[in-house]
Amino acid sequence: MEPFLMTTSAVTAAGTELGSLAASVAGAAGTGAVSAAALTPVFGLIGGDYLAELLGAVTATDAEVTRLAAFYTSASAGAARTVASAVATDGGGAGALLGLLGAS
């Protein structure tokens, strides 16, 4: 088994990237429904059933894209919490060791 090494800078960078990814993915949600709705004049009455199914599929896809953006947002927040916890733990551990050594 390989040793595990976590650096707060790497986790912070990953959290930042996840936040950017969340924003990009969230920006894509909803664009499919707008594009599909623009097809209404093209399909007319005859293609109405097909267009309704297409809009249903696009709406379901947009919902999944929104869920994916929420996941990335959550992961970004989790990275920030991990860094805060690691910094606090390191600070507490260092303080305890200095206290044992009689240093301040």
PDB file of N, CA and C in Angstrom:
ATOM      1  N   MET A   1       0.832  -1.163   0.000  1.00  0.00           N
ATOM      2  CA  MET A   1       0.000   0.000   0.000  1.00  0.00           C
ATOM      3  C   MET A   1       0.886   1.240   0.000  1.00  0.00           C
ATOM      4  N   GLU A   2       0.510   2.208  -0.836  1.00  0.00           N
ATOM      5  CA  GLU A   2       1.281   3.434  -0.917  1.00  0.00           C
ATOM      6  C   GLU A   2       0.917   4.377   0.222  1.00  0.00           C
ATOM      7  N   PRO A   3       1.877   5.143   0.705  1.00  0.00           N
ATOM      8  CA  PRO A   3       1.563   6.105   1.763  1.00  0.00           C
ATOM      9  C   PRO A   3       0.653   7.214   1.224  1.00  0.00           C
ATOM     10  N   PHE A   4      -0.180   7.716   2.087  1.00  0.00           N
ATOM     11  CA  PHE A   4      -1.111   8.786   1.718  1.00  0.00           C
ATOM     12  C   PHE A   4      -0.534  10.111   2.181  1.00  0.00           C
ATOM     13  N   LEU A   5      -0.485  11.069   1.293  1.00  0.00           N
ATOM     14  CA  LEU A   5       0.009  12.388   1.622  1.00  0.00           C
ATOM     15  C   LEU A   5      -0.999  13.415   1.139  1.00  0.00           C
ATOM     16  N   MET A   6      -1.502  14.197   2.070  1.00  0.00           N
ATOM     17  CA  MET A   6      -2.447  15.248   1.721  1.00  0.00           C
ATOM     18  C   MET A   6      -1.805  16.585   2.034  1.00  0.00           C
ATOM     19  N   THR A   7      -1.827  17.468   1.070  1.00  0.00           N
ATOM     20  CA  THR A   7      -1.386  18.828   1.337  1.00  0.00           C
ATOM     21  C   THR A   7      -2.600  19.738   1.221  1.00  0.00           C
ATOM     22  N   THR A   8      -2.656  20.723   2.089  1.00  0.00           N
ATOM     23  CA  THR A   8      -3.815  21.615   2.061  1.00  0.00           C
ATOM     24  C   THR A   8      -3.867  22.412   0.755  1.00  0.00           C
ATOM     25  N   SER A   9      -2.713  22.700   0.178  1.00  0.00           N
ATOM     26  CA  SER A   9      -2.725  23.451  -1.085  1.00  0.00           C
ATOM     27  C   SER A   9      -3.331  22.617  -2.210  1.00  0.00           C
ATOM     28  N   ALA A  10      -3.053  21.317  -2.222  1.00  0.00           N
ATOM     29  CA  ALA A  10      -3.623  20.444  -3.258  1.00  0.00           C
ATOM     30  C   ALA A  10      -5.138  20.307  -3.085  1.00  0.00           C
ATOM     31  N   VAL A  11      -5.584  20.187  -1.845  1.00  0.00           N
ATOM     32  CA  VAL A  11      -7.028  20.065  -1.595  1.00  0.00           C
ATOM     33  C   VAL A  11      -7.727  21.387  -1.908  1.00  0.00           C
ATOM     34  N   THR A  12      -7.098  22.492  -1.583  1.00  0.00           N
ATOM     35  CA  THR A  12      -7.671  23.801  -1.902  1.00  0.00           C
ATOM     36  C   THR A  12      -7.781  23.978  -3.416  1.00  0.00           C
ATOM     37  N   ALA A  13      -6.737  23.579  -4.136  1.00  0.00           N
ATOM     38  CA  ALA A  13      -6.767  23.677  -5.599  1.00  0.00           C
ATOM     39  C   ALA A  13      -7.867  22.796  -6.186  1.00  0.00           C
ATOM     40  N   ALA A  14      -8.009  21.590  -5.658  1.00  0.00           N
ATOM     41  CA  ALA A  14      -9.066  20.689  -6.139  1.00  0.00           C
ATOM     42  C   ALA A  14     -10.443  21.278  -5.850  1.00  0.00           C
ATOM     43  N   GLY A  15     -10.609  21.854  -4.664  1.00  0.00           N
ATOM     44  CA  GLY A  15     -11.889  22.479  -4.320  1.00  0.00           C
ATOM     45  C   GLY A  15     -12.222  23.645  -5.228  1.00  0.00           C
ATOM     46  N   THR A  16     -11.215  24.427  -5.568  1.00  0.00           N
ATOM     47  CA  THR A  16     -11.417  25.551  -6.481  1.00  0.00           C
ATOM     48  C   THR A  16     -11.829  25.061  -7.862  1.00  0.00           C
ATOM     49  N   GLU A  17     -11.162  24.030  -8.327  1.00  0.00           N
ATOM     50  CA  GLU A  17     -11.512  23.470  -9.639  1.00  0.00           C
ATOM     51  C   GLU A  17     -12.927  22.891  -9.637  1.00  0.00           C
ATOM     52  N   LEU A  18     -13.288  22.230  -8.553  1.00  0.00           N
ATOM     53  CA  LEU A  18     -14.645  21.680  -8.460  1.00  0.00           C
ATOM     54  C   LEU A  18     -15.683  22.793  -8.448  1.00  0.00           C
ATOM     55  N   GLY A  19     -15.374  23.899  -7.787  1.00  0.00           N
ATOM     56  CA  GLY A  19     -16.286  25.045  -7.792  1.00  0.00           C
ATOM     57  C   GLY A  19     -16.457  25.626  -9.188  1.00  0.00           C
ATOM     58  N   SER A  20     -15.357  25.726  -9.919  1.00  0.00           N
ATOM     59  CA  SER A  20     -15.427  26.221 -11.297  1.00  0.00           C
ATOM     60  C   SER A  20     -16.220  25.271 -12.181  1.00  0.00           C
ATOM     61  N   LEU A  21     -15.995  23.987 -11.979  1.00  0.00           N
ATOM     62  CA  LEU A  21     -16.722  22.981 -12.742  1.00  0.00           C
ATOM     63  C   LEU A  21     -18.215  23.045 -12.439  1.00  0.00           C
ATOM     64  N   ALA A  22     -18.553  23.244 -11.177  1.00  0.00           N
ATOM     65  CA  ALA A  22     -19.965  23.364 -10.790  1.00  0.00           C
ATOM     66  C   ALA A  22     -20.618  24.540 -11.503  1.00  0.00           C
ATOM     67  N   ALA A  23     -19.920  25.669 -11.561  1.00  0.00           N
ATOM     68  CA  ALA A  23     -20.471  26.842 -12.239  1.00  0.00           C
ATOM     69  C   ALA A  23     -20.655  26.588 -13.732  1.00  0.00           C
ATOM     70  N   SER A  24     -19.697  25.928 -14.349  1.00  0.00           N
ATOM     71  CA  SER A  24     -19.798  25.631 -15.782  1.00  0.00           C
ATOM     72  C   SER A  24     -20.951  24.684 -16.070  1.00  0.00           C
ATOM     73  N   VAL A  25     -21.066  23.649 -15.271  1.00  0.00           N
ATOM     74  CA  VAL A  25     -22.139  22.661 -15.483  1.00  0.00           C
ATOM     75  C   VAL A  25     -23.500  23.298 -15.226  1.00  0.00           C
ATOM     76  N   ALA A  26     -23.599  24.112 -14.172  1.00  0.00           N
ATOM     77  CA  ALA A  26     -24.873  24.773 -13.865  1.00  0.00           C
ATOM     78  C   ALA A  26     -25.285  25.714 -14.994  1.00  0.00           C
ATOM     79  N   GLY A  27     -24.306  26.334 -15.638  1.00  0.00           N
ATOM     80  CA  GLY A  27     -24.606  27.221 -16.754  1.00  0.00           C
ATOM     81  C   GLY A  27     -25.164  26.491 -17.959  1.00  0.00           C
ATOM     82  N   ALA A  28     -24.857  25.214 -18.074  1.00  0.00           N
ATOM     83  CA  ALA A  28     -25.352  24.427 -19.210  1.00  0.00           C
ATOM     84  C   ALA A  28     -26.776  23.917 -18.979  1.00  0.00           C
ATOM     85  N   ALA A  29     -27.207  23.861 -17.736  1.00  0.00           N
ATOM     86  CA  ALA A  29     -28.548  23.343 -17.437  1.00  0.00           C
ATOM     87  C   ALA A  29     -29.605  24.293 -17.998  1.00  0.00           C
ATOM     88  N   GLY A  30     -30.604  23.726 -18.613  1.00  0.00           N
ATOM     89  CA  GLY A  30     -31.713  24.516 -19.131  1.00  0.00           C
ATOM     90  C   GLY A  30     -31.564  24.921 -20.588  1.00  0.00           C
ATOM     91  N   THR A  31     -30.378  24.834 -21.133  1.00  0.00           N
ATOM     92  CA  THR A  31     -30.186  25.259 -22.516  1.00  0.00           C
ATOM     93  C   THR A  31     -30.848  24.295 -23.498  1.00  0.00           C
ATOM     94  N   GLY A  32     -30.933  23.026 -23.130  1.00  0.00           N
ATOM     95  CA  GLY A  32     -31.551  22.053 -24.027  1.00  0.00           C
ATOM     96  C   GLY A  32     -33.030  22.300 -24.224  1.00  0.00           C
ATOM     97  N   ALA A  33     -33.728  22.650 -23.152  1.00  0.00           N
ATOM     98  CA  ALA A  33     -35.172  22.892 -23.255  1.00  0.00           C
ATOM     99  C   ALA A  33     -35.451  24.104 -24.139  1.00  0.00           C
ATOM    100  N   VAL A  34     -34.624  25.120 -24.028  1.00  0.00           N
ATOM    101  CA  VAL A  34     -34.803  26.311 -24.857  1.00  0.00           C
ATOM    102  C   VAL A  34     -34.596  25.959 -26.326  1.00  0.00           C
ATOM    103  N   SER A  35     -33.558  25.169 -26.592  1.00  0.00           N
ATOM    104  CA  SER A  35     -33.273  24.776 -27.979  1.00  0.00           C
ATOM    105  C   SER A  35     -34.382  23.892 -28.543  1.00  0.00           C
ATOM    106  N   ALA A  36     -34.870  22.960 -27.746  1.00  0.00           N
ATOM    107  CA  ALA A  36     -35.927  22.062 -28.219  1.00  0.00           C
ATOM    108  C   ALA A  36     -37.231  22.826 -28.436  1.00  0.00           C
ATOM    109  N   ALA A  37     -37.514  23.795 -27.569  1.00  0.00           N
ATOM    110  CA  ALA A  37     -38.743  24.574 -27.726  1.00  0.00           C
ATOM    111  C   ALA A  37     -38.716  25.397 -29.004  1.00  0.00           C
ATOM    112  N   ALA A  38     -37.539  25.764 -29.454  1.00  0.00           N
ATOM    113  CA  ALA A  38     -37.417  26.531 -30.693  1.00  0.00           C
ATOM    114  C   ALA A  38     -37.808  25.702 -31.914  1.00  0.00           C
ATOM    115  N   LEU A  39     -37.873  24.399 -31.757  1.00  0.00           N
ATOM    116  CA  LEU A  39     -38.237  23.513 -32.866  1.00  0.00           C
ATOM    117  C   LEU A  39     -39.748  23.413 -33.091  1.00  0.00           C
ATOM    118  N   THR A  40     -40.539  23.990 -32.232  1.00  0.00           N
ATOM    119  CA  THR A  40     -41.998  23.884 -32.335  1.00  0.00           C
ATOM    120  C   THR A  40     -42.510  24.278 -33.728  1.00  0.00           C
ATOM    121  N   PRO A  41     -42.091  25.384 -34.281  1.00  0.00           N
ATOM    122  CA  PRO A  41     -42.606  25.733 -35.610  1.00  0.00           C
ATOM    123  C   PRO A  41     -42.165  24.745 -36.709  1.00  0.00           C
ATOM    124  N   VAL A  42     -41.041  24.105 -36.503  1.00  0.00           N
ATOM    125  CA  VAL A  42     -40.529  23.175 -37.503  1.00  0.00           C
ATOM    126  C   VAL A  42     -41.382  21.907 -37.557  1.00  0.00           C
ATOM    127  N   PHE A  43     -41.738  21.379 -36.391  1.00  0.00           N
ATOM    128  CA  PHE A  43     -42.483  20.120 -36.346  1.00  0.00           C
ATOM    129  C   PHE A  43     -43.982  20.315 -36.532  1.00  0.00           C
ATOM    130  N   GLY A  44     -44.504  21.430 -36.117  1.00  0.00           N
ATOM    131  CA  GLY A  44     -45.926  21.704 -36.286  1.00  0.00           C
ATOM    132  C   GLY A  44     -46.800  20.685 -35.566  1.00  0.00           C
ATOM    133  N   LEU A  45     -48.032  20.517 -36.049  1.00  0.00           N
ATOM    134  CA  LEU A  45     -48.990  19.615 -35.409  1.00  0.00           C
ATOM    135  C   LEU A  45     -48.603  18.154 -35.586  1.00  0.00           C
ATOM    136  N   ILE A  46     -48.078  17.800 -36.730  1.00  0.00           N
ATOM    137  CA  ILE A  46     -47.762  16.403 -37.011  1.00  0.00           C
ATOM    138  C   ILE A  46     -46.628  15.903 -36.119  1.00  0.00           C
ATOM    139  N   GLY A  47     -45.642  16.712 -35.891  1.00  0.00           N
ATOM    140  CA  GLY A  47     -44.497  16.303 -35.079  1.00  0.00           C
ATOM    141  C   GLY A  47     -44.649  16.643 -33.612  1.00  0.00           C
ATOM    142  N   GLY A  48     -45.827  17.038 -33.196  1.00  0.00           N
ATOM    143  CA  GLY A  48     -46.059  17.443 -31.809  1.00  0.00           C
ATOM    144  C   GLY A  48     -45.757  16.349 -30.806  1.00  0.00           C
ATOM    145  N   ASP A  49     -46.146  15.101 -31.126  1.00  0.00           N
ATOM    146  CA  ASP A  49     -45.879  13.993 -30.203  1.00  0.00           C
ATOM    147  C   ASP A  49     -44.378  13.761 -30.046  1.00  0.00           C
ATOM    148  N   TYR A  50     -43.667  13.796 -31.175  1.00  0.00           N
ATOM    149  CA  TYR A  50     -42.223  13.614 -31.120  1.00  0.00           C
ATOM    150  C   TYR A  50     -41.588  14.739 -30.314  1.00  0.00           C
ATOM    151  N   LEU A  51     -42.025  15.950 -30.564  1.00  0.00           N
ATOM    152  CA  LEU A  51     -41.455  17.098 -29.867  1.00  0.00           C
ATOM    153  C   LEU A  51     -41.743  17.027 -28.367  1.00  0.00           C
ATOM    154  N   ALA A  52     -42.912  16.547 -27.999  1.00  0.00           N
ATOM    155  CA  ALA A  52     -43.242  16.394 -26.573  1.00  0.00           C
ATOM    156  C   ALA A  52     -42.304  15.384 -25.913  1.00  0.00           C
ATOM    157  N   GLU A  53     -42.037  14.279 -26.601  1.00  0.00           N
ATOM    158  CA  GLU A  53     -41.103  13.275 -26.066  1.00  0.00           C
ATOM    159  C   GLU A  53     -39.684  13.836 -25.982  1.00  0.00           C
ATOM    160  N   LEU A  54     -39.305  14.584 -26.998  1.00  0.00           N
ATOM    161  CA  LEU A  54     -37.980  15.190 -27.012  1.00  0.00           C
ATOM    162  C   LEU A  54     -37.834  16.169 -25.841  1.00  0.00           C
ATOM    163  N   LEU A  55     -38.841  16.997 -25.631  1.00  0.00           N
ATOM    164  CA  LEU A  55     -38.797  17.942 -24.521  1.00  0.00           C
ATOM    165  C   LEU A  55     -38.749  17.216 -23.178  1.00  0.00           C
ATOM    166  N   GLY A  56     -39.444  16.087 -23.074  1.00  0.00           N
ATOM    167  CA  GLY A  56     -39.391  15.294 -21.843  1.00  0.00           C
ATOM    168  C   GLY A  56     -37.993  14.761 -21.580  1.00  0.00           C
ATOM    169  N   ALA A  57     -37.369  14.253 -22.635  1.00  0.00           N
ATOM    170  CA  ALA A  57     -36.002  13.725 -22.489  1.00  0.00           C
ATOM    171  C   ALA A  57     -35.015  14.834 -22.164  1.00  0.00           C
ATOM    172  N   VAL A  58     -35.170  15.976 -22.805  1.00  0.00           N
ATOM    173  CA  VAL A  58     -34.274  17.103 -22.551  1.00  0.00           C
ATOM    174  C   VAL A  58     -34.465  17.624 -21.132  1.00  0.00           C
ATOM    175  N   THR A  59     -35.694  17.678 -20.679  1.00  0.00           N
ATOM    176  CA  THR A  59     -35.972  18.128 -19.310  1.00  0.00           C
ATOM    177  C   THR A  59     -35.352  17.179 -18.289  1.00  0.00           C
ATOM    178  N   ALA A  60     -35.448  15.881 -18.545  1.00  0.00           N
ATOM    179  CA  ALA A  60     -34.826  14.899 -17.644  1.00  0.00           C
ATOM    180  C   ALA A  60     -33.307  15.057 -17.640  1.00  0.00           C
ATOM    181  N   THR A  61     -32.736  15.310 -18.804  1.00  0.00           N
ATOM    182  CA  THR A  61     -31.293  15.518 -18.892  1.00  0.00           C
ATOM    183  C   THR A  61     -30.882  16.770 -18.137  1.00  0.00           C
ATOM    184  N   ASP A  62     -31.642  17.837 -18.288  1.00  0.00           N
ATOM    185  CA  ASP A  62     -31.348  19.076 -17.559  1.00  0.00           C
ATOM    186  C   ASP A  62     -31.417  18.864 -16.052  1.00  0.00           C
ATOM    187  N   ALA A  63     -32.351  18.048 -15.603  1.00  0.00           N
ATOM    188  CA  ALA A  63     -32.449  17.757 -14.166  1.00  0.00           C
ATOM    189  C   ALA A  63     -31.201  17.035 -13.682  1.00  0.00           C
ATOM    190  N   GLU A  64     -30.700  16.109 -14.475  1.00  0.00           N
ATOM    191  CA  GLU A  64     -29.478  15.384 -14.095  1.00  0.00           C
ATOM    192  C   GLU A  64     -28.259  16.304 -14.114  1.00  0.00           C
ATOM    193  N   VAL A  65     -28.217  17.212 -15.076  1.00  0.00           N
ATOM    194  CA  VAL A  65     -27.114  18.170 -15.139  1.00  0.00           C
ATOM    195  C   VAL A  65     -27.142  19.073 -13.901  1.00  0.00           C
ATOM    196  N   THR A  66     -28.328  19.472 -13.481  1.00  0.00           N
ATOM    197  CA  THR A  66     -28.475  20.284 -12.273  1.00  0.00           C
ATOM    198  C   THR A  66     -28.004  19.505 -11.051  1.00  0.00           C
ATOM    199  N   ARG A  67     -28.344  18.227 -10.979  1.00  0.00           N
ATOM    200  CA  ARG A  67     -27.885  17.387  -9.868  1.00  0.00           C
ATOM    201  C   ARG A  67     -26.365  17.252  -9.878  1.00  0.00           C
ATOM    202  N   LEU A  68     -25.777  17.124 -11.056  1.00  0.00           N
ATOM    203  CA  LEU A  68     -24.325  17.029 -11.174  1.00  0.00           C
ATOM    204  C   LEU A  68     -23.660  18.320 -10.687  1.00  0.00           C
ATOM    205  N   ALA A  69     -24.221  19.457 -11.057  1.00  0.00           N
ATOM    206  CA  ALA A  69     -23.686  20.741 -10.591  1.00  0.00           C
ATOM    207  C   ALA A  69     -23.772  20.836  -9.069  1.00  0.00           C
ATOM    208  N   ALA A  70     -24.865  20.355  -8.496  1.00  0.00           N
ATOM    209  CA  ALA A  70     -25.015  20.370  -7.030  1.00  0.00           C
ATOM    210  C   ALA A  70     -23.974  19.456  -6.379  1.00  0.00           C
ATOM    211  N   PHE A  71     -23.683  18.331  -7.006  1.00  0.00           N
ATOM    212  CA  PHE A  71     -22.660  17.432  -6.482  1.00  0.00           C
ATOM    213  C   PHE A  71     -21.299  18.116  -6.474  1.00  0.00           C
ATOM    214  N   TYR A  72     -20.945  18.770  -7.582  1.00  0.00           N
ATOM    215  CA  TYR A  72     -19.657  19.460  -7.654  1.00  0.00           C
ATOM    216  C   TYR A  72     -19.583  20.588  -6.619  1.00  0.00           C
ATOM    217  N   THR A  73     -20.683  21.285  -6.413  1.00  0.00           N
ATOM    218  CA  THR A  73     -20.718  22.347  -5.405  1.00  0.00           C
ATOM    219  C   THR A  73     -20.492  21.764  -4.021  1.00  0.00           C
ATOM    220  N   SER A  74     -21.134  20.649  -3.740  1.00  0.00           N
ATOM    221  CA  SER A  74     -20.974  19.974  -2.457  1.00  0.00           C
ATOM    222  C   SER A  74     -19.541  19.481  -2.260  1.00  0.00           C
ATOM    223  N   ALA A  75     -18.956  18.931  -3.310  1.00  0.00           N
ATOM    224  CA  ALA A  75     -17.580  18.448  -3.215  1.00  0.00           C
ATOM    225  C   ALA A  75     -16.610  19.603  -2.987  1.00  0.00           C
ATOM    226  N   SER A  76     -16.872  20.739  -3.612  1.00  0.00           N
ATOM    227  CA  SER A  76     -16.034  21.925  -3.419  1.00  0.00           C
ATOM    228  C   SER A  76     -16.126  22.407  -1.968  1.00  0.00           C
ATOM    229  N   ALA A  77     -17.334  22.438  -1.425  1.00  0.00           N
ATOM    230  CA  ALA A  77     -17.514  22.835  -0.024  1.00  0.00           C
ATOM    231  C   ALA A  77     -16.852  21.827   0.911  1.00  0.00           C
ATOM    232  N   GLY A  78     -16.935  20.549   0.569  1.00  0.00           N
ATOM    233  CA  GLY A  78     -16.289  19.508   1.372  1.00  0.00           C
ATOM    234  C   GLY A  78     -14.781  19.668   1.396  1.00  0.00           C
ATOM    235  N   ALA A  79     -14.211  20.066   0.261  1.00  0.00           N
ATOM    236  CA  ALA A  79     -12.764  20.298   0.211  1.00  0.00           C
ATOM    237  C   ALA A  79     -12.383  21.453   1.132  1.00  0.00           C
ATOM    238  N   ALA A  80     -13.189  22.501   1.126  1.00  0.00           N
ATOM    239  CA  ALA A  80     -12.910  23.645   2.004  1.00  0.00           C
ATOM    240  C   ALA A  80     -12.994  23.239   3.473  1.00  0.00           C
ATOM    241  N   ARG A  81     -13.996  22.421   3.809  1.00  0.00           N
ATOM    242  CA  ARG A  81     -14.119  21.944   5.196  1.00  0.00           C
ATOM    243  C   ARG A  81     -12.942  21.053   5.574  1.00  0.00           C
ATOM    244  N   THR A  82     -12.490  20.231   4.641  1.00  0.00           N
ATOM    245  CA  THR A  82     -11.345  19.351   4.898  1.00  0.00           C
ATOM    246  C   THR A  82     -10.095  20.169   5.189  1.00  0.00           C
ATOM    247  N   VAL A  83      -9.865  21.198   4.403  1.00  0.00           N
ATOM    248  CA  VAL A  83      -8.692  22.052   4.615  1.00  0.00           C
ATOM    249  C   VAL A  83      -8.782  22.748   5.964  1.00  0.00           C
ATOM    250  N   ALA A  84      -9.945  23.290   6.296  1.00  0.00           N
ATOM    251  CA  ALA A  84     -10.114  23.977   7.581  1.00  0.00           C
ATOM    252  C   ALA A  84      -9.869  23.017   8.743  1.00  0.00           C
ATOM    253  N   SER A  85     -10.379  21.808   8.616  1.00  0.00           N
ATOM    254  CA  SER A  85     -10.187  20.811   9.668  1.00  0.00           C
ATOM    255  C   SER A  85      -8.722  20.410   9.790  1.00  0.00           C
ATOM    256  N   ALA A  86      -8.053  20.228   8.661  1.00  0.00           N
ATOM    257  CA  ALA A  86      -6.641  19.834   8.680  1.00  0.00           C
ATOM    258  C   ALA A  86      -5.775  20.929   9.301  1.00  0.00           C
ATOM    259  N   VAL A  87      -6.058  22.172   8.953  1.00  0.00           N
ATOM    260  CA  VAL A  87      -5.290  23.294   9.505  1.00  0.00           C
ATOM    261  C   VAL A  87      -5.513  23.387  11.012  1.00  0.00           C
ATOM    262  N   ALA A  88      -6.763  23.233  11.442  1.00  0.00           N
ATOM    263  CA  ALA A  88      -7.064  23.293  12.871  1.00  0.00           C
ATOM    264  C   ALA A  88      -6.408  22.141  13.621  1.00  0.00           C
ATOM    265  N   THR A  89      -6.435  20.962  13.042  1.00  0.00           N
ATOM    266  CA  THR A  89      -5.821  19.793  13.678  1.00  0.00           C
ATOM    267  C   THR A  89      -4.307  19.957  13.769  1.00  0.00           C
ATOM    268  N   ASP A  90      -3.698  20.419  12.683  1.00  0.00           N
ATOM    269  CA  ASP A  90      -2.251  20.654  12.703  1.00  0.00           C
ATOM    270  C   ASP A  90      -1.882  21.701  13.746  1.00  0.00           C
ATOM    271  N   GLY A  91      -2.656  22.773  13.809  1.00  0.00           N
ATOM    272  CA  GLY A  91      -2.382  23.824  14.789  1.00  0.00           C
ATOM    273  C   GLY A  91      -2.537  23.327  16.212  1.00  0.00           C
ATOM    274  N   GLY A  92      -3.578  22.540  16.454  1.00  0.00           N
ATOM    275  CA  GLY A  92      -3.791  21.985  17.793  1.00  0.00           C
ATOM    276  C   GLY A  92      -2.711  20.997  18.176  1.00  0.00           C
ATOM    277  N   GLY A  93      -2.323  20.161  17.214  1.00  0.00           N
ATOM    278  CA  GLY A  93      -1.265  19.179  17.482  1.00  0.00           C
ATOM    279  C   GLY A  93       0.066  19.852  17.742  1.00  0.00           C
ATOM    280  N   ALA A  94       0.377  20.881  16.970  1.00  0.00           N
ATOM    281  CA  ALA A  94       1.632  21.602  17.172  1.00  0.00           C
ATOM    282  C   ALA A  94       1.634  22.288  18.532  1.00  0.00           C
ATOM    283  N   GLY A  95       0.505  22.865  18.904  1.00  0.00           N
ATOM    284  CA  GLY A  95       0.409  23.524  20.213  1.00  0.00           C
ATOM    285  C   GLY A  95       0.568  22.542  21.343  1.00  0.00           C
ATOM    286  N   ALA A  96      -0.004  21.353  21.188  1.00  0.00           N
ATOM    287  CA  ALA A  96       0.111  20.335  22.235  1.00  0.00           C
ATOM    288  C   ALA A  96       1.553  19.866  22.363  1.00  0.00           C
ATOM    289  N   LEU A  97       2.226  19.656  21.237  1.00  0.00           N
ATOM    290  CA  LEU A  97       3.623  19.232  21.287  1.00  0.00           C
ATOM    291  C   LEU A  97       4.520  20.299  21.913  1.00  0.00           C
ATOM    292  N   LEU A  98       4.267  21.551  21.554  1.00  0.00           N
ATOM    293  CA  LEU A  98       5.062  22.629  22.145  1.00  0.00           C
ATOM    294  C   LEU A  98       4.799  22.727  23.648  1.00  0.00           C
ATOM    295  N   GLY A  99       3.568  22.460  24.043  1.00  0.00           N
ATOM    296  CA  GLY A  99       3.233  22.488  25.470  1.00  0.00           C
ATOM    297  C   GLY A  99       3.959  21.377  26.212  1.00  0.00           C
ATOM    298  N   LEU A 100       4.055  20.208  25.591  1.00  0.00           N
ATOM    299  CA  LEU A 100       4.769  19.095  26.235  1.00  0.00           C
ATOM    300  C   LEU A 100       6.261  19.380  26.362  1.00  0.00           C
ATOM    301  N   LEU A 101       6.768  20.126  25.395  1.00  0.00           N
ATOM    302  CA  LEU A 101       8.200  20.451  25.405  1.00  0.00           C
ATOM    303  C   LEU A 101       8.505  21.669  26.286  1.00  0.00           C
ATOM    304  N   GLY A 102       7.464  22.312  26.774  1.00  0.00           N
ATOM    305  CA  GLY A 102       7.652  23.493  27.622  1.00  0.00           C
ATOM    306  C   GLY A 102       7.917  24.760  26.842  1.00  0.00           C
ATOM    307  N   ALA A 103       7.677  24.708  25.539  1.00  0.00           N
ATOM    308  CA  ALA A 103       7.871  25.910  24.716  1.00  0.00           C
ATOM    309  C   ALA A 103       6.527  26.572  24.486  1.00  0.00           C
ATOM    310  N   SER A 104       6.538  27.813  24.128  1.00  0.00           N
ATOM    311  CA  SER A 104       5.282  28.491  23.836  1.00  0.00           C
ATOM    312  C   SER A 104       5.274  29.055  22.449  1.00  0.00           C
TER     313      SER A 104
END
